[in-house]
C-alpha cells in the first residue's frame, strides 16, 4: 500500500517548467538568444539547480548572419561564462558609437 501511495504522489506533482520571457530562441549550435533588459550588465540565465549564471556581458562582434538579421544592426552582447547571446533592448538607445560634434 505504501508503494501505491508514493506512486500517486509522483504522478500528482507535475514537473514545473519555467519559461524565460526574454528568451527569443536557440541557434542551431545550441546557443541561446535572449532580449537584453535595459541597463543589464550580468547574465540572468538559470543553470543547474536553478542557480543564476551572473557572468559579465561583453560586447561581441563575431556573430553570424542569423544573429545579424535578428539584431537589426544593434549591439550584441555575450555572456563570458555560458556564451548566451543578448540582443539589444527595444527600450534602450545604444550607448556606444561615434561621438558627433
PDB file of N, CA and C in Angstrom:
ATOM      1  N   UNK A   1       0.821  -1.189   0.000  1.00  0.00           N
ATOM      2  CA  UNK A   1       0.000   0.000   0.000  1.00  0.00           C
ATOM      3  C   UNK A   1       0.870   1.259   0.000  1.00  0.00           C
ATOM      4  N   UNK A   2       2.002   1.211   0.677  1.00  0.00           N
ATOM      5  CA  UNK A   2       2.902   2.367   0.719  1.00  0.00           C
ATOM      6  C   UNK A   2       3.459   2.658  -0.673  1.00  0.00           C
ATOM      7  N   UNK A   3       3.708   1.583  -1.441  1.00  0.00           N
ATOM      8  CA  UNK A   3       4.214   1.778  -2.797  1.00  0.00           C
ATOM      9  C   UNK A   3       3.179   2.473  -3.672  1.00  0.00           C
ATOM     10  N   UNK A   4       1.921   2.123  -3.477  1.00  0.00           N
ATOM     11  CA  UNK A   4       0.855   2.718  -4.260  1.00  0.00           C
ATOM     12  C   UNK A   4       0.695   4.204  -3.923  1.00  0.00           C
ATOM     13  N   UNK A   5       0.855   4.577  -2.653  1.00  0.00           N
ATOM     14  CA  UNK A   5       0.739   5.977  -2.246  1.00  0.00           C
ATOM     15  C   UNK A   5       1.869   6.810  -2.843  1.00  0.00           C
ATOM     16  N   UNK A   6       3.106   6.297  -2.836  1.00  0.00           N
ATOM     17  CA  UNK A   6       4.219   7.052  -3.400  1.00  0.00           C
ATOM     18  C   UNK A   6       4.079   7.184  -4.904  1.00  0.00           C
ATOM     19  N   UNK A   7       3.500   6.184  -5.549  1.00  0.00           N
ATOM     20  CA  UNK A   7       3.307   6.246  -6.994  1.00  0.00           C
ATOM     21  C   UNK A   7       2.299   7.339  -7.346  1.00  0.00           C
ATOM     22  N   UNK A   8       1.243   7.473  -6.556  1.00  0.00           N
ATOM     23  CA  UNK A   8       0.251   8.510  -6.852  1.00  0.00           C
ATOM     24  C   UNK A   8       0.807   9.894  -6.532  1.00  0.00           C
ATOM     25  N   UNK A   9       1.674  10.013  -5.552  1.00  0.00           N
ATOM     26  CA  UNK A   9       2.263  11.316  -5.228  1.00  0.00           C
ATOM     27  C   UNK A   9       3.166  11.796  -6.350  1.00  0.00           C
ATOM     28  N   UNK A  10       3.932  10.894  -6.942  1.00  0.00           N
ATOM     29  CA  UNK A  10       4.811  11.308  -8.028  1.00  0.00           C
ATOM     30  C   UNK A  10       4.014  11.659  -9.280  1.00  0.00           C
ATOM     31  N   UNK A  11       2.882  11.002  -9.476  1.00  0.00           N
ATOM     32  CA  UNK A  11       2.055  11.311 -10.625  1.00  0.00           C
ATOM     33  C   UNK A  11       1.342  12.650 -10.463  1.00  0.00           C
ATOM     34  N   UNK A  12       0.995  13.003  -9.222  1.00  0.00           N
ATOM     35  CA  UNK A  12       0.275  14.241  -8.966  1.00  0.00           C
ATOM     36  C   UNK A  12       1.165  15.468  -9.154  1.00  0.00           C
ATOM     37  N   UNK A  13       2.448  15.360  -8.843  1.00  0.00           N
ATOM     38  CA  UNK A  13       3.340  16.509  -8.915  1.00  0.00           C
ATOM     39  C   UNK A  13       3.922  16.635 -10.321  1.00  0.00           C
ATOM     40  N   UNK A  14       3.351  17.517 -11.151  1.00  0.00           N
ATOM     41  CA  UNK A  14       3.904  17.685 -12.497  1.00  0.00           C
ATOM     42  C   UNK A  14       5.214  18.459 -12.438  1.00  0.00           C
ATOM     43  N   UNK A  15       6.071  18.184 -13.387  1.00  0.00           N
ATOM     44  CA  UNK A  15       7.352  18.883 -13.445  1.00  0.00           C
ATOM     45  C   UNK A  15       7.099  20.314 -13.902  1.00  0.00           C
ATOM     46  N   UNK A  16       7.488  21.267 -13.067  1.00  0.00           N
ATOM     47  CA  UNK A  16       7.294  22.670 -13.412  1.00  0.00           C
ATOM     48  C   UNK A  16       8.387  23.112 -14.366  1.00  0.00           C
ATOM     49  N   UNK A  17       7.976  23.711 -15.438  1.00  0.00           N
ATOM     50  CA  UNK A  17       8.937  24.209 -16.413  1.00  0.00           C
ATOM     51  C   UNK A  17       8.761  25.721 -16.500  1.00  0.00           C
ATOM     52  N   UNK A  18       9.755  26.452 -16.025  1.00  0.00           N
ATOM     53  CA  UNK A  18       9.669  27.898 -16.056  1.00  0.00           C
ATOM     54  C   UNK A  18      10.208  28.389 -17.391  1.00  0.00           C
ATOM     55  N   UNK A  19       9.466  29.256 -18.021  1.00  0.00           N
ATOM     56  CA  UNK A  19       9.898  29.809 -19.288  1.00  0.00           C
ATOM     57  C   UNK A  19      10.385  31.224 -19.061  1.00  0.00           C
ATOM     58  N   UNK A  20      11.471  31.567 -19.698  1.00  0.00           N
ATOM     59  CA  UNK A  20      12.060  32.890 -19.577  1.00  0.00           C
ATOM     60  C   UNK A  20      11.368  33.822 -20.559  1.00  0.00           C
ATOM     61  N   UNK A  21      10.794  34.929 -20.094  1.00  0.00           N
ATOM     62  CA  UNK A  21      10.105  35.827 -21.021  1.00  0.00           C
ATOM     63  C   UNK A  21      11.054  36.540 -21.982  1.00  0.00           C
ATOM     64  N   UNK A  22      12.340  36.602 -21.648  1.00  0.00           N
ATOM     65  CA  UNK A  22      13.311  37.276 -22.501  1.00  0.00           C
ATOM     66  C   UNK A  22      13.955  36.347 -23.524  1.00  0.00           C
ATOM     67  N   UNK A  23      13.653  35.068 -23.467  1.00  0.00           N
ATOM     68  CA  UNK A  23      14.232  34.105 -24.398  1.00  0.00           C
ATOM     69  C   UNK A  23      13.586  34.264 -25.773  1.00  0.00           C
ATOM     70  N   UNK A  24      14.414  34.524 -26.774  1.00  0.00           N
ATOM     71  CA  UNK A  24      13.928  34.702 -28.138  1.00  0.00           C
ATOM     72  C   UNK A  24      13.949  33.379 -28.884  1.00  0.00           C
ATOM     73  N   UNK A  25      15.046  32.644 -28.742  1.00  0.00           N
ATOM     74  CA  UNK A  25      15.161  31.380 -29.441  1.00  0.00           C
ATOM     75  C   UNK A  25      16.522  30.756 -29.212  1.00  0.00           C
ATOM     76  N   UNK A  26      16.794  29.698 -29.948  1.00  0.00           N
ATOM     77  CA  UNK A  26      18.062  28.988 -29.849  1.00  0.00           C
ATOM     78  C   UNK A  26      18.624  28.811 -31.248  1.00  0.00           C
ATOM     79  N   UNK A  27      19.930  29.043 -31.386  1.00  0.00           N
ATOM     80  CA  UNK A  27      20.590  28.859 -32.674  1.00  0.00           C
ATOM     81  C   UNK A  27      20.803  27.375 -32.937  1.00  0.00           C
ATOM     82  N   UNK A  28      21.238  27.033 -34.131  1.00  0.00           N
ATOM     83  CA  UNK A  28      21.442  25.635 -34.498  1.00  0.00           C
ATOM     84  C   UNK A  28      22.533  24.976 -33.666  1.00  0.00           C
ATOM     85  N   UNK A  29      23.519  25.747 -33.210  1.00  0.00           N
ATOM     86  CA  UNK A  29      24.597  25.171 -32.408  1.00  0.00           C
ATOM     87  C   UNK A  29      24.243  25.077 -30.921  1.00  0.00           C
ATOM     88  N   UNK A  30      23.035  25.480 -30.532  1.00  0.00           N
ATOM     89  CA  UNK A  30      22.589  25.372 -29.154  1.00  0.00           C
ATOM     90  C   UNK A  30      22.734  26.641 -28.345  1.00  0.00           C
ATOM     91  N   UNK A  31      23.275  27.697 -28.919  1.00  0.00           N
ATOM     92  CA  UNK A  31      23.435  28.966 -28.221  1.00  0.00           C
ATOM     93  C   UNK A  31      22.077  29.632 -28.061  1.00  0.00           C
ATOM     94  N   UNK A  32      21.786  30.120 -26.861  1.00  0.00           N
ATOM     95  CA  UNK A  32      20.510  30.766 -26.590  1.00  0.00           C
ATOM     96  C   UNK A  32      20.577  32.236 -26.974  1.00  0.00           C
ATOM     97  N   UNK A  33      19.477  32.748 -27.501  1.00  0.00           N
ATOM     98  CA  UNK A  33      19.321  34.166 -27.809  1.00  0.00           C
ATOM     99  C   UNK A  33      18.299  34.752 -26.863  1.00  0.00           C
ATOM    100  N   UNK A  34      18.678  35.835 -26.192  1.00  0.00           N
ATOM    101  CA  UNK A  34      17.769  36.470 -25.252  1.00  0.00           C
ATOM    102  C   UNK A  34      17.698  37.960 -25.540  1.00  0.00           C
ATOM    103  N   UNK A  35      16.603  38.571 -25.139  1.00  0.00           N
ATOM    104  CA  UNK A  35      16.438  40.012 -25.230  1.00  0.00           C
ATOM    105  C   UNK A  35      17.047  40.635 -23.977  1.00  0.00           C
ATOM    106  N   UNK A  36      17.869  41.635 -24.172  1.00  0.00           N
ATOM    107  CA  UNK A  36      18.542  42.279 -23.049  1.00  0.00           C
ATOM    108  C   UNK A  36      17.589  43.226 -22.342  1.00  0.00           C
ATOM    109  N   UNK A  37      17.606  43.217 -21.022  1.00  0.00           N
ATOM    110  CA  UNK A  37      16.827  44.133 -20.208  1.00  0.00           C
ATOM    111  C   UNK A  37      17.570  45.468 -20.199  1.00  0.00           C
ATOM    112  N   UNK A  38      16.884  46.607 -20.181  1.00  0.00           N
ATOM    113  CA  UNK A  38      17.599  47.887 -20.159  1.00  0.00           C
ATOM    114  C   UNK A  38      18.585  47.979 -18.991  1.00  0.00           C
ATOM    115  N   UNK A  39      19.796  48.405 -19.326  1.00  0.00           N
ATOM    116  CA  UNK A  39      20.912  48.580 -18.380  1.00  0.00           C
ATOM    117  C   UNK A  39      21.400  47.277 -17.768  1.00  0.00           C
ATOM    118  N   UNK A  40      21.112  46.158 -18.381  1.00  0.00           N
ATOM    119  CA  UNK A  40      21.550  44.863 -17.871  1.00  0.00           C
ATOM    120  C   UNK A  40      23.035  44.682 -18.120  1.00  0.00           C
ATOM    121  N   UNK A  41      23.787  44.248 -17.087  1.00  0.00           N
ATOM    122  CA  UNK A  41      25.223  44.063 -17.208  1.00  0.00           C
ATOM    123  C   UNK A  41      25.667  42.642 -16.910  1.00  0.00           C
ATOM    124  N   UNK A  42      24.803  41.852 -16.305  1.00  0.00           N
ATOM    125  CA  UNK A  42      25.157  40.476 -15.941  1.00  0.00           C
ATOM    126  C   UNK A  42      24.122  39.508 -16.495  1.00  0.00           C
ATOM    127  N   UNK A  43      24.576  38.296 -16.774  1.00  0.00           N
ATOM    128  CA  UNK A  43      23.722  37.253 -17.339  1.00  0.00           C
ATOM    129  C   UNK A  43      22.703  36.785 -16.306  1.00  0.00           C
ATOM    130  N   UNK A  44      21.475  36.583 -16.746  1.00  0.00           N
ATOM    131  CA  UNK A  44      20.427  36.091 -15.846  1.00  0.00           C
ATOM    132  C   UNK A  44      19.939  34.707 -16.247  1.00  0.00           C
ATOM    133  N   UNK A  45      20.759  33.960 -16.957  1.00  0.00           N
ATOM    134  CA  UNK A  45      20.410  32.613 -17.400  1.00  0.00           C
ATOM    135  C   UNK A  45      20.484  31.655 -16.215  1.00  0.00           C
ATOM    136  N   UNK A  46      19.419  30.904 -15.987  1.00  0.00           N
ATOM    137  CA  UNK A  46      19.435  29.935 -14.895  1.00  0.00           C
ATOM    138  C   UNK A  46      20.039  28.634 -15.396  1.00  0.00           C
ATOM    139  N   UNK A  47      20.894  28.062 -14.582  1.00  0.00           N
ATOM    140  CA  UNK A  47      21.587  26.843 -14.970  1.00  0.00           C
ATOM    141  C   UNK A  47      21.145  25.675 -14.110  1.00  0.00           C
ATOM    142  N   UNK A  48      22.116  24.850 -13.777  1.00  0.00           N
ATOM    143  CA  UNK A  48      21.829  23.686 -12.953  1.00  0.00           C
ATOM    144  C   UNK A  48      21.405  24.130 -11.558  1.00  0.00           C
ATOM    145  N   UNK A  49      20.493  23.400 -10.982  1.00  0.00           N
ATOM    146  CA  UNK A  49      19.983  23.645  -9.638  1.00  0.00           C
ATOM    147  C   UNK A  49      19.394  25.041  -9.481  1.00  0.00           C
ATOM    148  N   UNK A  50      18.882  25.629 -10.576  1.00  0.00           N
ATOM    149  CA  UNK A  50      18.268  26.953 -10.584  1.00  0.00           C
ATOM    150  C   UNK A  50      19.195  28.051 -10.091  1.00  0.00           C
ATOM    151  N   UNK A  51      20.502  27.897 -10.306  1.00  0.00           N
ATOM    152  CA  UNK A  51      21.451  28.946  -9.984  1.00  0.00           C
ATOM    153  C   UNK A  51      21.572  29.881 -11.178  1.00  0.00           C
ATOM    154  N   UNK A  52      21.718  31.164 -10.912  1.00  0.00           N
ATOM    155  CA  UNK A  52      21.865  32.142 -11.979  1.00  0.00           C
ATOM    156  C   UNK A  52      23.331  32.214 -12.367  1.00  0.00           C
ATOM    157  N   UNK A  53      23.607  32.353 -13.654  1.00  0.00           N
ATOM    158  CA  UNK A  53      24.973  32.359 -14.184  1.00  0.00           C
ATOM    159  C   UNK A  53      25.768  33.559 -13.667  1.00  0.00           C
ATOM    160  N   UNK A  54      25.235  34.764 -13.759  1.00  0.00           N
ATOM    161  CA  UNK A  54      25.845  36.019 -13.300  1.00  0.00           C
ATOM    162  C   UNK A  54      27.157  36.355 -14.006  1.00  0.00           C
ATOM    163  N   UNK A  55      27.371  35.854 -15.209  1.00  0.00           N
ATOM    164  CA  UNK A  55      28.565  36.196 -15.976  1.00  0.00           C
ATOM    165  C   UNK A  55      28.438  37.604 -16.544  1.00  0.00           C
ATOM    166  N   UNK A  56      29.560  38.287 -16.710  1.00  0.00           N
ATOM    167  CA  UNK A  56      29.553  39.647 -17.228  1.00  0.00           C
ATOM    168  C   UNK A  56      29.230  39.640 -18.720  1.00  0.00           C
ATOM    169  N   UNK A  57      28.393  40.572 -19.159  1.00  0.00           N
ATOM    170  CA  UNK A  57      28.052  40.676 -20.569  1.00  0.00           C
ATOM    171  C   UNK A  57      29.077  41.558 -21.265  1.00  0.00           C
ATOM    172  N   UNK A  58      29.688  41.017 -22.298  1.00  0.00           N
ATOM    173  CA  UNK A  58      30.700  41.735 -23.068  1.00  0.00           C
ATOM    174  C   UNK A  58      30.178  41.961 -24.478  1.00  0.00           C
ATOM    175  N   UNK A  59      30.554  43.088 -25.059  1.00  0.00           N
ATOM    176  CA  UNK A  59      30.164  43.386 -26.440  1.00  0.00           C
ATOM    177  C   UNK A  59      30.798  42.347 -27.344  1.00  0.00           C
ATOM    178  N   UNK A  60      30.028  41.825 -28.290  1.00  0.00           N
ATOM    179  CA  UNK A  60      30.517  40.743 -29.139  1.00  0.00           C
ATOM    180  C   UNK A  60      30.338  41.128 -30.593  1.00  0.00           C
ATOM    181  N   UNK A  61      31.380  40.954 -31.375  1.00  0.00           N
ATOM    182  CA  UNK A  61      31.376  41.379 -32.769  1.00  0.00           C
ATOM    183  C   UNK A  61      31.396  40.212 -33.749  1.00  0.00           C
ATOM    184  N   UNK A  62      31.695  39.014 -33.316  1.00  0.00           N
ATOM    185  CA  UNK A  62      31.922  37.872 -34.205  1.00  0.00           C
ATOM    186  C   UNK A  62      30.691  36.979 -34.332  1.00  0.00           C
ATOM    187  N   UNK A  63      29.567  37.559 -34.666  1.00  0.00           N
ATOM    188  CA  UNK A  63      28.347  36.767 -34.809  1.00  0.00           C
ATOM    189  C   UNK A  63      28.038  36.562 -36.280  1.00  0.00           C
ATOM    190  N   UNK A  64      27.237  35.552 -36.542  1.00  0.00           N
ATOM    191  CA  UNK A  64      26.921  35.175 -37.917  1.00  0.00           C
ATOM    192  C   UNK A  64      25.749  35.944 -38.498  1.00  0.00           C
ATOM    193  N   UNK A  65      25.386  35.558 -39.693  1.00  0.00           N
ATOM    194  CA  UNK A  65      24.308  36.244 -40.401  1.00  0.00           C
ATOM    195  C   UNK A  65      22.945  36.042 -39.746  1.00  0.00           C
ATOM    196  N   UNK A  66      22.731  34.878 -39.127  1.00  0.00           N
ATOM    197  CA  UNK A  66      21.441  34.629 -38.481  1.00  0.00           C
ATOM    198  C   UNK A  66      21.232  35.560 -37.286  1.00  0.00           C
ATOM    199  N   UNK A  67      22.284  35.841 -36.531  1.00  0.00           N
ATOM    200  CA  UNK A  67      22.180  36.772 -35.402  1.00  0.00           C
ATOM    201  C   UNK A  67      22.095  38.203 -35.929  1.00  0.00           C
ATOM    202  N   UNK A  68      22.839  38.507 -36.977  1.00  0.00           N
ATOM    203  CA  UNK A  68      22.845  39.853 -37.566  1.00  0.00           C
ATOM    204  C   UNK A  68      21.444  40.233 -38.054  1.00  0.00           C
ATOM    205  N   UNK A  69      20.719  39.273 -38.616  1.00  0.00           N
ATOM    206  CA  UNK A  69      19.367  39.549 -39.098  1.00  0.00           C
ATOM    207  C   UNK A  69      18.409  39.847 -37.949  1.00  0.00           C
ATOM    208  N   UNK A  70      18.598  39.199 -36.831  1.00  0.00           N
ATOM    209  CA  UNK A  70      17.719  39.422 -35.679  1.00  0.00           C
ATOM    210  C   UNK A  70      18.089  40.673 -34.889  1.00  0.00           C
ATOM    211  N   UNK A  71      19.364  41.066 -34.924  1.00  0.00           N
ATOM    212  CA  UNK A  71      19.829  42.205 -34.133  1.00  0.00           C
ATOM    213  C   UNK A  71      19.502  43.539 -34.787  1.00  0.00           C
ATOM    214  N   UNK A  72      19.239  43.566 -36.076  1.00  0.00           N
ATOM    215  CA  UNK A  72      18.905  44.792 -36.804  1.00  0.00           C
ATOM    216  C   UNK A  72      19.970  45.871 -36.646  1.00  0.00           C
ATOM    217  N   UNK A  73      21.228  45.477 -36.674  1.00  0.00           N
ATOM    218  CA  UNK A  73      22.322  46.441 -36.606  1.00  0.00           C
ATOM    219  C   UNK A  73      22.626  46.962 -35.220  1.00  0.00           C
ATOM    220  N   UNK A  74      22.017  46.421 -34.193  1.00  0.00           N
ATOM    221  CA  UNK A  74      22.254  46.880 -32.827  1.00  0.00           C
ATOM    222  C   UNK A  74      23.432  46.171 -32.185  1.00  0.00           C
ATOM    223  N   UNK A  75      23.696  46.526 -30.951  1.00  0.00           N
ATOM    224  CA  UNK A  75      24.799  45.949 -30.195  1.00  0.00           C
ATOM    225  C   UNK A  75      24.427  44.558 -29.692  1.00  0.00           C
ATOM    226  N   UNK A  76      25.286  43.597 -29.927  1.00  0.00           N
ATOM    227  CA  UNK A  76      25.069  42.229 -29.449  1.00  0.00           C
ATOM    228  C   UNK A  76      26.058  41.981 -28.323  1.00  0.00           C
ATOM    229  N   UNK A  77      25.564  41.439 -27.225  1.00  0.00           N
ATOM    230  CA  UNK A  77      26.403  41.127 -26.081  1.00  0.00           C
ATOM    231  C   UNK A  77      26.407  39.623 -25.862  1.00  0.00           C
ATOM    232  N   UNK A  78      27.496  39.116 -25.260  1.00  0.00           N
ATOM    233  CA  UNK A  78      27.613  37.690 -24.983  1.00  0.00           C
ATOM    234  C   UNK A  78      28.106  37.498 -23.560  1.00  0.00           C
ATOM    235  N   UNK A  79      27.531  36.522 -22.870  1.00  0.00           N
ATOM    236  CA  UNK A  79      27.951  36.195 -21.506  1.00  0.00           C
ATOM    237  C   UNK A  79      29.322  35.532 -21.557  1.00  0.00           C
ATOM    238  N   UNK A  80      30.203  35.953 -20.656  1.00  0.00           N
ATOM    239  CA  UNK A  80      31.551  35.392 -20.657  1.00  0.00           C
ATOM    240  C   UNK A  80      31.603  33.987 -20.077  1.00  0.00           C
ATOM    241  N   UNK A  81      30.577  33.554 -19.381  1.00  0.00           N
ATOM    242  CA  UNK A  81      30.561  32.209 -18.798  1.00  0.00           C
ATOM    243  C   UNK A  81      29.821  31.200 -19.656  1.00  0.00           C
ATOM    244  N   UNK A  82      28.555  31.474 -19.923  1.00  0.00           N
ATOM    245  CA  UNK A  82      27.718  30.476 -20.604  1.00  0.00           C
ATOM    246  C   UNK A  82      27.537  30.753 -22.091  1.00  0.00           C
ATOM    247  N   UNK A  83      28.087  31.830 -22.612  1.00  0.00           N
ATOM    248  CA  UNK A  83      28.047  32.212 -24.020  1.00  0.00           C
ATOM    249  C   UNK A  83      26.633  32.452 -24.564  1.00  0.00           C
ATOM    250  N   UNK A  84      25.699  32.823 -23.706  1.00  0.00           N
ATOM    251  CA  UNK A  84      24.370  33.198 -24.152  1.00  0.00           C
ATOM    252  C   UNK A  84      24.461  34.557 -24.837  1.00  0.00           C
ATOM    253  N   UNK A  85      23.784  34.708 -25.969  1.00  0.00           N
ATOM    254  CA  UNK A  85      23.802  35.967 -26.706  1.00  0.00           C
ATOM    255  C   UNK A  85      22.618  36.823 -26.297  1.00  0.00           C
ATOM    256  N   UNK A  86      22.882  38.111 -26.121  1.00  0.00           N
ATOM    257  CA  UNK A  86      21.847  39.066 -25.753  1.00  0.00           C
ATOM    258  C   UNK A  86      21.699  40.085 -26.863  1.00  0.00           C
ATOM    259  N   UNK A  87      20.500  40.164 -27.423  1.00  0.00           N
ATOM    260  CA  UNK A  87      20.207  41.123 -28.474  1.00  0.00           C
ATOM    261  C   UNK A  87      19.775  42.440 -27.843  1.00  0.00           C
ATOM    262  N   UNK A  88      19.871  43.554 -28.582  1.00  0.00           N
ATOM    263  CA  UNK A  88      19.575  44.863 -27.993  1.00  0.00           C
ATOM    264  C   UNK A  88      18.123  44.993 -27.557  1.00  0.00           C
ATOM    265  N   UNK A  89      17.948  45.802 -26.529  1.00  0.00           N
ATOM    266  CA  UNK A  89      16.623  46.062 -25.999  1.00  0.00           C
ATOM    267  C   UNK A  89      15.927  47.121 -26.844  1.00  0.00           C
ATOM    268  N   UNK A  90      14.624  46.996 -27.000  1.00  0.00           N
ATOM    269  CA  UNK A  90      13.852  47.981 -27.743  1.00  0.00           C
ATOM    270  C   UNK A  90      13.688  49.271 -26.941  1.00  0.00           C
ATOM    271  N   UNK A  91      13.807  49.186 -25.628  1.00  0.00           N
ATOM    272  CA  UNK A  91      13.557  50.320 -24.749  1.00  0.00           C
ATOM    273  C   UNK A  91      14.800  51.157 -24.480  1.00  0.00           C
ATOM    274  N   UNK A  92      15.951  50.731 -24.978  1.00  0.00           N
ATOM    275  CA  UNK A  92      17.191  51.414 -24.649  1.00  0.00           C
ATOM    276  C   UNK A  92      17.922  51.847 -25.922  1.00  0.00           C
ATOM    277  N   UNK A  93      18.456  53.054 -25.896  1.00  0.00           N
ATOM    278  CA  UNK A  93      19.252  53.564 -27.008  1.00  0.00           C
ATOM    279  C   UNK A  93      20.671  53.037 -26.844  1.00  0.00           C
ATOM    280  N   UNK A  94      21.339  52.716 -27.956  1.00  0.00           N
ATOM    281  CA  UNK A  94      22.701  52.202 -27.914  1.00  0.00           C
ATOM    282  C   UNK A  94      23.620  53.199 -27.210  1.00  0.00           C
ATOM    283  N   UNK A  95      24.473  52.702 -26.308  1.00  0.00           N
ATOM    284  CA  UNK A  95      25.333  53.585 -25.527  1.00  0.00           C
ATOM    285  C   UNK A  95      26.698  53.800 -26.159  1.00  0.00           C
ATOM    286  N   UNK A  96      27.044  53.003 -27.145  1.00  0.00           N
ATOM    287  CA  UNK A  96      28.342  53.163 -27.784  1.00  0.00           C
ATOM    288  C   UNK A  96      28.146  53.719 -29.182  1.00  0.00           C
ATOM    289  N   UNK A  97      29.211  54.205 -29.752  1.00  0.00           N
ATOM    290  CA  UNK A  97      29.135  54.737 -31.097  1.00  0.00           C
ATOM    291  C   UNK A  97      30.101  55.902 -31.253  1.00  0.00           C
ATOM    292  N   UNK A  98      30.104  56.462 -32.388  1.00  0.00           N
ATOM    293  CA  UNK A  98      30.992  57.557 -32.679  1.00  0.00           C
ATOM    294  C   UNK A  98      30.419  58.857 -32.109  1.00  0.00           C
ATOM    295  N   UNK A  99      31.273  59.637 -31.476  1.00  0.00           N
ATOM    296  CA  UNK A  99      30.832  60.927 -30.971  1.00  0.00           C
ATOM    297  C   UNK A  99      30.663  61.898 -32.131  1.00  0.00           C
ATOM    298  N   UNK A 100      29.599  62.649 -32.098  1.00  0.00           N
ATOM    299  CA  UNK A 100      29.398  63.649 -33.139  1.00  0.00           C
ATOM    300  C   UNK A 100      29.416  65.028 -32.493  1.00  0.00           C
ATOM    301  N   UNK A 101      30.146  65.922 -33.095  1.00  0.00           N
ATOM    302  CA  UNK A 101      30.265  67.276 -32.542  1.00  0.00           C
ATOM    303  C   UNK A 101      29.506  68.255 -33.382  1.00  0.00           C
TER     304      UNK A 101
END
